[in-house]
Amino acid sequence: RAHDIDVNLSAHVMHENIMSKATSVLA
């Protein structure tokens, strides 16, 4: 997680965003 209490920076959301970013970089 990128923040202790911010749900928008939770590990779940960070996972979604990192994977989207990675496929975009490849594209």
mmCIF file of all heavy atoms, coordinates in Angstrom:
data_MODEL
# 
_entry.id   MODEL 
# 
loop_
_atom_site.group_PDB 
_atom_site.id 
_atom_site.type_symbol 
_atom_site.label_atom_id 
_atom_site.label_alt_id 
_atom_site.label_comp_id 
_atom_site.label_asym_id 
_atom_site.label_entity_id 
_atom_site.label_seq_id 
_atom_site.pdbx_PDB_ins_code 
_atom_site.Cartn_x 
_atom_site.Cartn_y 
_atom_site.Cartn_z 
_atom_site.occupancy 
_atom_site.B_iso_or_equiv 
_atom_site.pdbx_formal_charge 
_atom_site.auth_seq_id 
_atom_site.auth_comp_id 
_atom_site.auth_asym_id 
_atom_site.auth_atom_id 
_atom_site.pdbx_PDB_model_num 
ATOM 1   N N   . ARG A 1 1  ? 0.856   -1.182 0.000   1.00 0.00 ? 1  ARG A N   1 
ATOM 2   C CA  . ARG A 1 1  ? 0.000   0.000  0.000   1.00 0.00 ? 1  ARG A CA  1 
ATOM 3   C C   . ARG A 1 1  ? 0.897   1.238  0.000   1.00 0.00 ? 1  ARG A C   1 
ATOM 4   O O   . ARG A 1 1  ? 2.011   1.229  0.519   1.00 0.00 ? 1  ARG A O   1 
ATOM 5   C CB  . ARG A 1 1  ? -0.913  0.002  1.218   1.00 0.00 ? 1  ARG A CB  1 
ATOM 6   C CG  . ARG A 1 1  ? -0.174  -0.053 2.554   1.00 0.00 ? 1  ARG A CG  1 
ATOM 7   C CD  . ARG A 1 1  ? -1.124  -0.236 3.716   1.00 0.00 ? 1  ARG A CD  1 
ATOM 8   N NE  . ARG A 1 1  ? -0.395  -0.348 4.975   1.00 0.00 ? 1  ARG A NE  1 
ATOM 9   C CZ  . ARG A 1 1  ? -0.971  -0.556 6.153   1.00 0.00 ? 1  ARG A CZ  1 
ATOM 10  N NH1 . ARG A 1 1  ? -2.284  -0.675 6.231   1.00 0.00 ? 1  ARG A NH1 1 
ATOM 11  N NH2 . ARG A 1 1  ? -0.237  -0.654 7.254   1.00 0.00 ? 1  ARG A NH2 1 
ATOM 12  N N   . ALA A 1 2  ? 0.408   2.297  -0.621  1.00 0.00 ? 2  ALA A N   1 
ATOM 13  C CA  . ALA A 1 2  ? 1.200   3.528  -0.712  1.00 0.00 ? 2  ALA A CA  1 
ATOM 14  C C   . ALA A 1 2  ? 0.810   4.543  0.357   1.00 0.00 ? 2  ALA A C   1 
ATOM 15  O O   . ALA A 1 2  ? 1.372   5.636  0.414   1.00 0.00 ? 2  ALA A O   1 
ATOM 16  C CB  . ALA A 1 2  ? 1.048   4.146  -2.099  1.00 0.00 ? 2  ALA A CB  1 
ATOM 17  N N   . HIS A 1 3  ? -0.164  4.188  1.196   1.00 0.00 ? 3  HIS A N   1 
ATOM 18  C CA  . HIS A 1 3  ? -0.594  5.065  2.289   1.00 0.00 ? 3  HIS A CA  1 
ATOM 19  C C   . HIS A 1 3  ? -1.290  4.188  3.323   1.00 0.00 ? 3  HIS A C   1 
ATOM 20  O O   . HIS A 1 3  ? -1.948  3.203  2.976   1.00 0.00 ? 3  HIS A O   1 
ATOM 21  C CB  . HIS A 1 3  ? -1.547  6.147  1.777   1.00 0.00 ? 3  HIS A CB  1 
ATOM 22  C CG  . HIS A 1 3  ? -1.792  7.273  2.727   1.00 0.00 ? 3  HIS A CG  1 
ATOM 23  N ND1 . HIS A 1 3  ? -2.699  7.190  3.765   1.00 0.00 ? 3  HIS A ND1 1 
ATOM 24  C CD2 . HIS A 1 3  ? -1.247  8.517  2.810   1.00 0.00 ? 3  HIS A CD2 1 
ATOM 25  C CE1 . HIS A 1 3  ? -2.711  8.330  4.433   1.00 0.00 ? 3  HIS A CE1 1 
ATOM 26  N NE2 . HIS A 1 3  ? -1.841  9.147  3.876   1.00 0.00 ? 3  HIS A NE2 1 
ATOM 27  N N   . ASP A 1 4  ? -1.184  4.555  4.573   1.00 0.00 ? 4  ASP A N   1 
ATOM 28  C CA  . ASP A 1 4  ? -1.740  3.723  5.640   1.00 0.00 ? 4  ASP A CA  1 
ATOM 29  C C   . ASP A 1 4  ? -3.258  3.685  5.658   1.00 0.00 ? 4  ASP A C   1 
ATOM 30  O O   . ASP A 1 4  ? -3.859  2.653  5.967   1.00 0.00 ? 4  ASP A O   1 
ATOM 31  C CB  . ASP A 1 4  ? -1.219  4.186  7.006   1.00 0.00 ? 4  ASP A CB  1 
ATOM 32  C CG  . ASP A 1 4  ? 0.258   3.874  7.195   1.00 0.00 ? 4  ASP A CG  1 
ATOM 33  O OD1 . ASP A 1 4  ? 0.779   3.032  6.443   1.00 0.00 ? 4  ASP A OD1 1 
ATOM 34  O OD2 . ASP A 1 4  ? 0.884   4.482  8.097   1.00 0.00 ? 4  ASP A OD2 1 
ATOM 35  N N   . ILE A 1 5  ? -3.915  4.813  5.365   1.00 0.00 ? 5  ILE A N   1 
ATOM 36  C CA  . ILE A 1 5  ? -5.371  4.852  5.496   1.00 0.00 ? 5  ILE A CA  1 
ATOM 37  C C   . ILE A 1 5  ? -6.104  5.274  4.233   1.00 0.00 ? 5  ILE A C   1 
ATOM 38  O O   . ILE A 1 5  ? -7.324  5.105  4.147   1.00 0.00 ? 5  ILE A O   1 
ATOM 39  C CB  . ILE A 1 5  ? -5.798  5.779  6.656   1.00 0.00 ? 5  ILE A CB  1 
ATOM 40  C CG1 . ILE A 1 5  ? -5.351  7.223  6.389   1.00 0.00 ? 5  ILE A CG1 1 
ATOM 41  C CG2 . ILE A 1 5  ? -5.273  5.260  7.986   1.00 0.00 ? 5  ILE A CG2 1 
ATOM 42  C CD1 . ILE A 1 5  ? -5.940  8.224  7.371   1.00 0.00 ? 5  ILE A CD1 1 
ATOM 43  N N   . ASP A 1 6  ? -5.420  5.826  3.259   1.00 0.00 ? 6  ASP A N   1 
ATOM 44  C CA  . ASP A 1 6  ? -6.061  6.293  2.027   1.00 0.00 ? 6  ASP A CA  1 
ATOM 45  C C   . ASP A 1 6  ? -6.415  5.087  1.144   1.00 0.00 ? 6  ASP A C   1 
ATOM 46  O O   . ASP A 1 6  ? -5.535  4.425  0.595   1.00 0.00 ? 6  ASP A O   1 
ATOM 47  C CB  . ASP A 1 6  ? -5.120  7.241  1.274   1.00 0.00 ? 6  ASP A CB  1 
ATOM 48  C CG  . ASP A 1 6  ? -5.790  7.919  0.089   1.00 0.00 ? 6  ASP A CG  1 
ATOM 49  O OD1 . ASP A 1 6  ? -6.871  7.454  -0.343  1.00 0.00 ? 6  ASP A OD1 1 
ATOM 50  O OD2 . ASP A 1 6  ? -5.224  8.901  -0.433  1.00 0.00 ? 6  ASP A OD2 1 
ATOM 51  N N   . VAL A 1 7  ? -7.723  4.809  0.999   1.00 0.00 ? 7  VAL A N   1 
ATOM 52  C CA  . VAL A 1 7  ? -8.144  3.649  0.210   1.00 0.00 ? 7  VAL A CA  1 
ATOM 53  C C   . VAL A 1 7  ? -7.767  3.786  -1.260  1.00 0.00 ? 7  VAL A C   1 
ATOM 54  O O   . VAL A 1 7  ? -7.647  2.802  -1.982  1.00 0.00 ? 7  VAL A O   1 
ATOM 55  C CB  . VAL A 1 7  ? -9.666  3.410  0.334   1.00 0.00 ? 7  VAL A CB  1 
ATOM 56  C CG1 . VAL A 1 7  ? -10.041 3.043  1.764   1.00 0.00 ? 7  VAL A CG1 1 
ATOM 57  C CG2 . VAL A 1 7  ? -10.451 4.635  -0.129  1.00 0.00 ? 7  VAL A CG2 1 
ATOM 58  N N   . ASN A 1 8  ? -7.597  5.022  -1.723  1.00 0.00 ? 8  ASN A N   1 
ATOM 59  C CA  . ASN A 1 8  ? -7.222  5.248  -3.116  1.00 0.00 ? 8  ASN A CA  1 
ATOM 60  C C   . ASN A 1 8  ? -5.772  4.879  -3.389  1.00 0.00 ? 8  ASN A C   1 
ATOM 61  O O   . ASN A 1 8  ? -5.349  4.776  -4.545  1.00 0.00 ? 8  ASN A O   1 
ATOM 62  C CB  . ASN A 1 8  ? -7.447  6.713  -3.480  1.00 0.00 ? 8  ASN A CB  1 
ATOM 63  C CG  . ASN A 1 8  ? -8.866  7.147  -3.207  1.00 0.00 ? 8  ASN A CG  1 
ATOM 64  O OD1 . ASN A 1 8  ? -9.775  6.819  -3.954  1.00 0.00 ? 8  ASN A OD1 1 
ATOM 65  N ND2 . ASN A 1 8  ? -9.072  7.859  -2.107  1.00 0.00 ? 8  ASN A ND2 1 
ATOM 66  N N   . LEU A 1 9  ? -5.000  4.716  -2.319  1.00 0.00 ? 9  LEU A N   1 
ATOM 67  C CA  . LEU A 1 9  ? -3.605  4.296  -2.425  1.00 0.00 ? 9  LEU A CA  1 
ATOM 68  C C   . LEU A 1 9  ? -3.393  2.949  -1.729  1.00 0.00 ? 9  LEU A C   1 
ATOM 69  O O   . LEU A 1 9  ? -2.269  2.593  -1.370  1.00 0.00 ? 9  LEU A O   1 
ATOM 70  C CB  . LEU A 1 9  ? -2.685  5.361  -1.820  1.00 0.00 ? 9  LEU A CB  1 
ATOM 71  C CG  . LEU A 1 9  ? -2.698  6.722  -2.530  1.00 0.00 ? 9  LEU A CG  1 
ATOM 72  C CD1 . LEU A 1 9  ? -1.889  7.748  -1.731  1.00 0.00 ? 9  LEU A CD1 1 
ATOM 73  C CD2 . LEU A 1 9  ? -2.160  6.609  -3.943  1.00 0.00 ? 9  LEU A CD2 1 
ATOM 74  N N   . SER A 1 10 ? -4.466  2.202  -1.589  1.00 0.00 ? 10 SER A N   1 
ATOM 75  C CA  . SER A 1 10 ? -4.384  0.867  -0.995  1.00 0.00 ? 10 SER A CA  1 
ATOM 76  C C   . SER A 1 10 ? -3.607  -0.061 -1.928  1.00 0.00 ? 10 SER A C   1 
ATOM 77  O O   . SER A 1 10 ? -3.416  0.228  -3.117  1.00 0.00 ? 10 SER A O   1 
ATOM 78  C CB  . SER A 1 10 ? -5.780  0.300  -0.759  1.00 0.00 ? 10 SER A CB  1 
ATOM 79  O OG  . SER A 1 10 ? -6.429  0.067  -2.005  1.00 0.00 ? 10 SER A OG  1 
ATOM 80  N N   . ALA A 1 11 ? -3.181  -1.178 -1.391  1.00 0.00 ? 11 ALA A N   1 
ATOM 81  C CA  . ALA A 1 11 ? -2.427  -2.134 -2.209  1.00 0.00 ? 11 ALA A CA  1 
ATOM 82  C C   . ALA A 1 11 ? -3.263  -2.636 -3.381  1.00 0.00 ? 11 ALA A C   1 
ATOM 83  O O   . ALA A 1 11 ? -2.743  -2.839 -4.486  1.00 0.00 ? 11 ALA A O   1 
ATOM 84  C CB  . ALA A 1 11 ? -1.963  -3.305 -1.335  1.00 0.00 ? 11 ALA A CB  1 
ATOM 85  N N   . HIS A 1 12 ? -4.556  -2.823 -3.154  1.00 0.00 ? 12 HIS A N   1 
ATOM 86  C CA  . HIS A 1 12 ? -5.439  -3.290 -4.224  1.00 0.00 ? 12 HIS A CA  1 
ATOM 87  C C   . HIS A 1 12 ? -5.477  -2.301 -5.387  1.00 0.00 ? 12 HIS A C   1 
ATOM 88  O O   . HIS A 1 12 ? -5.326  -2.681 -6.553  1.00 0.00 ? 12 HIS A O   1 
ATOM 89  C CB  . HIS A 1 12 ? -6.851  -3.496 -3.672  1.00 0.00 ? 12 HIS A CB  1 
ATOM 90  C CG  . HIS A 1 12 ? -7.884  -3.769 -4.717  1.00 0.00 ? 12 HIS A CG  1 
ATOM 91  N ND1 . HIS A 1 12 ? -8.022  -4.993 -5.337  1.00 0.00 ? 12 HIS A ND1 1 
ATOM 92  C CD2 . HIS A 1 12 ? -8.822  -2.963 -5.285  1.00 0.00 ? 12 HIS A CD2 1 
ATOM 93  C CE1 . HIS A 1 12 ? -9.001  -4.933 -6.233  1.00 0.00 ? 12 HIS A CE1 1 
ATOM 94  N NE2 . HIS A 1 12 ? -9.502  -3.713 -6.216  1.00 0.00 ? 12 HIS A NE2 1 
ATOM 95  N N   . VAL A 1 13 ? -5.668  -1.031 -5.075  1.00 0.00 ? 13 VAL A N   1 
ATOM 96  C CA  . VAL A 1 13 ? -5.730  -0.002 -6.119  1.00 0.00 ? 13 VAL A CA  1 
ATOM 97  C C   . VAL A 1 13 ? -4.360  0.190  -6.771  1.00 0.00 ? 13 VAL A C   1 
ATOM 98  O O   . VAL A 1 13 ? -4.255  0.343  -7.996  1.00 0.00 ? 13 VAL A O   1 
ATOM 99  C CB  . VAL A 1 13 ? -6.255  1.326  -5.545  1.00 0.00 ? 13 VAL A CB  1 
ATOM 100 C CG1 . VAL A 1 13 ? -6.178  2.441  -6.592  1.00 0.00 ? 13 VAL A CG1 1 
ATOM 101 C CG2 . VAL A 1 13 ? -7.696  1.160  -5.066  1.00 0.00 ? 13 VAL A CG2 1 
ATOM 102 N N   . MET A 1 14 ? -3.307  0.168  -5.973  1.00 0.00 ? 14 MET A N   1 
ATOM 103 C CA  . MET A 1 14 ? -1.964  0.287  -6.536  1.00 0.00 ? 14 MET A CA  1 
ATOM 104 C C   . MET A 1 14 ? -1.676  -0.849 -7.501  1.00 0.00 ? 14 MET A C   1 
ATOM 105 O O   . MET A 1 14 ? -1.042  -0.661 -8.542  1.00 0.00 ? 14 MET A O   1 
ATOM 106 C CB  . MET A 1 14 ? -0.923  0.321  -5.416  1.00 0.00 ? 14 MET A CB  1 
ATOM 107 C CG  . MET A 1 14 ? -0.958  1.568  -4.537  1.00 0.00 ? 14 MET A CG  1 
ATOM 108 S SD  . MET A 1 14 ? -0.783  3.126  -5.462  1.00 0.00 ? 14 MET A SD  1 
ATOM 109 C CE  . MET A 1 14 ? 0.854   2.915  -6.172  1.00 0.00 ? 14 MET A CE  1 
ATOM 110 N N   . HIS A 1 15 ? -2.150  -2.042 -7.173  1.00 0.00 ? 15 HIS A N   1 
ATOM 111 C CA  . HIS A 1 15 ? -1.977  -3.190 -8.069  1.00 0.00 ? 15 HIS A CA  1 
ATOM 112 C C   . HIS A 1 15 ? -2.663  -2.941 -9.406  1.00 0.00 ? 15 HIS A C   1 
ATOM 113 O O   . HIS A 1 15 ? -2.069  -3.131 -10.475 1.00 0.00 ? 15 HIS A O   1 
ATOM 114 C CB  . HIS A 1 15 ? -2.540  -4.453 -7.401  1.00 0.00 ? 15 HIS A CB  1 
ATOM 115 C CG  . HIS A 1 15 ? -2.388  -5.702 -8.215  1.00 0.00 ? 15 HIS A CG  1 
ATOM 116 N ND1 . HIS A 1 15 ? -3.231  -6.013 -9.271  1.00 0.00 ? 15 HIS A ND1 1 
ATOM 117 C CD2 . HIS A 1 15 ? -1.485  -6.706 -8.143  1.00 0.00 ? 15 HIS A CD2 1 
ATOM 118 C CE1 . HIS A 1 15 ? -2.857  -7.161 -9.797  1.00 0.00 ? 15 HIS A CE1 1 
ATOM 119 N NE2 . HIS A 1 15 ? -1.799  -7.606 -9.133  1.00 0.00 ? 15 HIS A NE2 1 
ATOM 120 N N   . GLU A 1 16 ? -3.917  -2.518 -9.361  1.00 0.00 ? 16 GLU A N   1 
ATOM 121 C CA  . GLU A 1 16 ? -4.654  -2.219 -10.601 1.00 0.00 ? 16 GLU A CA  1 
ATOM 122 C C   . GLU A 1 16 ? -3.910  -1.186 -11.438 1.00 0.00 ? 16 GLU A C   1 
ATOM 123 O O   . GLU A 1 16 ? -3.760  -1.349 -12.661 1.00 0.00 ? 16 GLU A O   1 
ATOM 124 C CB  . GLU A 1 16 ? -6.045  -1.675 -10.257 1.00 0.00 ? 16 GLU A CB  1 
ATOM 125 C CG  . GLU A 1 16 ? -7.015  -2.697 -9.721  1.00 0.00 ? 16 GLU A CG  1 
ATOM 126 C CD  . GLU A 1 16 ? -8.400  -2.106 -9.512  1.00 0.00 ? 16 GLU A CD  1 
ATOM 127 O OE1 . GLU A 1 16 ? -8.504  -0.863 -9.438  1.00 0.00 ? 16 GLU A OE1 1 
ATOM 128 O OE2 . GLU A 1 16 ? -9.363  -2.876 -9.425  1.00 0.00 ? 16 GLU A OE2 1 
ATOM 129 N N   . ASN A 1 17 ? -3.456  -0.127 -10.782 1.00 0.00 ? 17 ASN A N   1 
ATOM 130 C CA  . ASN A 1 17 ? -2.826  0.973  -11.511 1.00 0.00 ? 17 ASN A CA  1 
ATOM 131 C C   . ASN A 1 17 ? -1.459  0.599  -12.071 1.00 0.00 ? 17 ASN A C   1 
ATOM 132 O O   . ASN A 1 17 ? -1.109  0.977  -13.198 1.00 0.00 ? 17 ASN A O   1 
ATOM 133 C CB  . ASN A 1 17 ? -2.708  2.195  -10.601 1.00 0.00 ? 17 ASN A CB  1 
ATOM 134 C CG  . ASN A 1 17 ? -4.063  2.803  -10.279 1.00 0.00 ? 17 ASN A CG  1 
ATOM 135 O OD1 . ASN A 1 17 ? -5.069  2.430  -10.867 1.00 0.00 ? 17 ASN A OD1 1 
ATOM 136 N ND2 . ASN A 1 17 ? -4.094  3.716  -9.335  1.00 0.00 ? 17 ASN A ND2 1 
ATOM 137 N N   . ILE A 1 18 ? -0.676  -0.145 -11.308 1.00 0.00 ? 18 ILE A N   1 
ATOM 138 C CA  . ILE A 1 18 ? 0.643   -0.571 -11.780 1.00 0.00 ? 18 ILE A CA  1 
ATOM 139 C C   . ILE A 1 18 ? 0.511   -1.471 -13.004 1.00 0.00 ? 18 ILE A C   1 
ATOM 140 O O   . ILE A 1 18 ? 1.265   -1.342 -13.982 1.00 0.00 ? 18 ILE A O   1 
ATOM 141 C CB  . ILE A 1 18 ? 1.415   -1.302 -10.663 1.00 0.00 ? 18 ILE A CB  1 
ATOM 142 C CG1 . ILE A 1 18 ? 1.849   -0.307 -9.565  1.00 0.00 ? 18 ILE A CG1 1 
ATOM 143 C CG2 . ILE A 1 18 ? 2.611   -2.059 -11.221 1.00 0.00 ? 18 ILE A CG2 1 
ATOM 144 C CD1 . ILE A 1 18 ? 3.003   0.587  -9.958  1.00 0.00 ? 18 ILE A CD1 1 
ATOM 145 N N   . MET A 1 19 ? -0.447  -2.394 -12.982 1.00 0.00 ? 19 MET A N   1 
ATOM 146 C CA  . MET A 1 19 ? -0.621  -3.318 -14.105 1.00 0.00 ? 19 MET A CA  1 
ATOM 147 C C   . MET A 1 19 ? -1.122  -2.588 -15.357 1.00 0.00 ? 19 MET A C   1 
ATOM 148 O O   . MET A 1 19 ? -0.723  -2.898 -16.475 1.00 0.00 ? 19 MET A O   1 
ATOM 149 C CB  . MET A 1 19 ? -1.577  -4.451 -13.722 1.00 0.00 ? 19 MET A CB  1 
ATOM 150 C CG  . MET A 1 19 ? -1.079  -5.301 -12.558 1.00 0.00 ? 19 MET A CG  1 
ATOM 151 S SD  . MET A 1 19 ? 0.634   -5.871 -12.799 1.00 0.00 ? 19 MET A SD  1 
ATOM 152 C CE  . MET A 1 19 ? 1.077   -6.314 -11.123 1.00 0.00 ? 19 MET A CE  1 
ATOM 153 N N   . SER A 1 20 ? -1.990  -1.606 -15.154 1.00 0.00 ? 20 SER A N   1 
ATOM 154 C CA  . SER A 1 20 ? -2.445  -0.801 -16.290 1.00 0.00 ? 20 SER A CA  1 
ATOM 155 C C   . SER A 1 20 ? -1.280  -0.009 -16.867 1.00 0.00 ? 20 SER A C   1 
ATOM 156 O O   . SER A 1 20 ? -1.091  0.056  -18.090 1.00 0.00 ? 20 SER A O   1 
ATOM 157 C CB  . SER A 1 20 ? -3.564  0.145  -15.855 1.00 0.00 ? 20 SER A CB  1 
ATOM 158 O OG  . SER A 1 20 ? -4.078  0.874  -16.948 1.00 0.00 ? 20 SER A OG  1 
ATOM 159 N N   . LYS A 1 21 ? -0.481  0.574  -15.994 1.00 0.00 ? 21 LYS A N   1 
ATOM 160 C CA  . LYS A 1 21 ? 0.675   1.349  -16.443 1.00 0.00 ? 21 LYS A CA  1 
ATOM 161 C C   . LYS A 1 21 ? 1.673   0.472  -17.189 1.00 0.00 ? 21 LYS A C   1 
ATOM 162 O O   . LYS A 1 21 ? 2.212   0.868  -18.232 1.00 0.00 ? 21 LYS A O   1 
ATOM 163 C CB  . LYS A 1 21 ? 1.346   2.016  -15.237 1.00 0.00 ? 21 LYS A CB  1 
ATOM 164 C CG  . LYS A 1 21 ? 2.586   2.834  -15.583 1.00 0.00 ? 21 LYS A CG  1 
ATOM 165 C CD  . LYS A 1 21 ? 3.227   3.409  -14.318 1.00 0.00 ? 21 LYS A CD  1 
ATOM 166 C CE  . LYS A 1 21 ? 4.518   4.151  -14.640 1.00 0.00 ? 21 LYS A CE  1 
ATOM 167 N NZ  . LYS A 1 21 ? 5.192   4.667  -13.418 1.00 0.00 ? 21 LYS A NZ  1 
ATOM 168 N N   . ALA A 1 22 ? 1.925   -0.728 -16.670 1.00 0.00 ? 22 ALA A N   1 
ATOM 169 C CA  . ALA A 1 22 ? 2.905   -1.619 -17.298 1.00 0.00 ? 22 ALA A CA  1 
ATOM 170 C C   . ALA A 1 22 ? 2.485   -2.024 -18.705 1.00 0.00 ? 22 ALA A C   1 
ATOM 171 O O   . ALA A 1 22 ? 3.303   -2.019 -19.633 1.00 0.00 ? 22 ALA A O   1 
ATOM 172 C CB  . ALA A 1 22 ? 3.112   -2.861 -16.426 1.00 0.00 ? 22 ALA A CB  1 
ATOM 173 N N   . THR A 1 23 ? 1.209   -2.377 -18.899 1.00 0.00 ? 23 THR A N   1 
ATOM 174 C CA  . THR A 1 23 ? 0.753   -2.743 -20.243 1.00 0.00 ? 23 THR A CA  1 
ATOM 175 C C   . THR A 1 23 ? 0.771   -1.536 -21.173 1.00 0.00 ? 23 THR A C   1 
ATOM 176 O O   . THR A 1 23 ? 1.036   -1.661 -22.374 1.00 0.00 ? 23 THR A O   1 
ATOM 177 C CB  . THR A 1 23 ? -0.651  -3.369 -20.201 1.00 0.00 ? 23 THR A CB  1 
ATOM 178 O OG1 . THR A 1 23 ? -1.423  -2.795 -19.154 1.00 0.00 ? 23 THR A OG1 1 
ATOM 179 C CG2 . THR A 1 23 ? -0.567  -4.858 -20.005 1.00 0.00 ? 23 THR A CG2 1 
ATOM 180 N N   . SER A 1 24 ? 0.503   -0.350 -20.640 1.00 0.00 ? 24 SER A N   1 
ATOM 181 C CA  . SER A 1 24 ? 0.576   0.865  -21.453 1.00 0.00 ? 24 SER A CA  1 
ATOM 182 C C   . SER A 1 24 ? 2.007   1.141  -21.903 1.00 0.00 ? 24 SER A C   1 
ATOM 183 O O   . SER A 1 24 ? 2.245   1.514  -23.056 1.00 0.00 ? 24 SER A O   1 
ATOM 184 C CB  . SER A 1 24 ? 0.033   2.058  -20.669 1.00 0.00 ? 24 SER A CB  1 
ATOM 185 O OG  . SER A 1 24 ? 0.147   3.258  -21.414 1.00 0.00 ? 24 SER A OG  1 
ATOM 186 N N   . VAL A 1 25 ? 2.973   0.962  -20.996 1.00 0.00 ? 25 VAL A N   1 
ATOM 187 C CA  . VAL A 1 25 ? 4.383   1.150  -21.353 1.00 0.00 ? 25 VAL A CA  1 
ATOM 188 C C   . VAL A 1 25 ? 4.767   0.202  -22.482 1.00 0.00 ? 25 VAL A C   1 
ATOM 189 O O   . VAL A 1 25 ? 5.409   0.597  -23.467 1.00 0.00 ? 25 VAL A O   1 
ATOM 190 C CB  . VAL A 1 25 ? 5.295   0.926  -20.131 1.00 0.00 ? 25 VAL A CB  1 
ATOM 191 C CG1 . VAL A 1 25 ? 6.760   0.809  -20.555 1.00 0.00 ? 25 VAL A CG1 1 
ATOM 192 C CG2 . VAL A 1 25 ? 5.124   2.068  -19.137 1.00 0.00 ? 25 VAL A CG2 1 
ATOM 193 N N   . LEU A 1 26 ? 4.372   -1.055 -22.357 1.00 0.00 ? 26 LEU A N   1 
ATOM 194 C CA  . LEU A 1 26 ? 4.686   -2.045 -23.392 1.00 0.00 ? 26 LEU A CA  1 
ATOM 195 C C   . LEU A 1 26 ? 4.068   -1.636 -24.727 1.00 0.00 ? 26 LEU A C   1 
ATOM 196 O O   . LEU A 1 26 ? 4.714   -1.715 -25.782 1.00 0.00 ? 26 LEU A O   1 
ATOM 197 C CB  . LEU A 1 26 ? 4.169   -3.415 -22.954 1.00 0.00 ? 26 LEU A CB  1 
ATOM 198 C CG  . LEU A 1 26 ? 4.638   -4.619 -23.772 1.00 0.00 ? 26 LEU A CG  1 
ATOM 199 C CD1 . LEU A 1 26 ? 6.151   -4.788 -23.695 1.00 0.00 ? 26 LEU A CD1 1 
ATOM 200 C CD2 . LEU A 1 26 ? 3.933   -5.897 -23.296 1.00 0.00 ? 26 LEU A CD2 1 
ATOM 201 N N   . ALA A 1 27 ? 2.817   -1.170 -24.691 1.00 0.00 ? 27 ALA A N   1 
ATOM 202 C CA  . ALA A 1 27 ? 2.143   -0.735 -25.919 1.00 0.00 ? 27 ALA A CA  1 
ATOM 203 C C   . ALA A 1 27 ? 2.821   0.493  -26.527 1.00 0.00 ? 27 ALA A C   1 
ATOM 204 O O   . ALA A 1 27 ? 2.969   0.593  -27.751 1.00 0.00 ? 27 ALA A O   1 
ATOM 205 C CB  . ALA A 1 27 ? 0.674   -0.441 -25.630 1.00 0.00 ? 27 ALA A CB  1 
# 
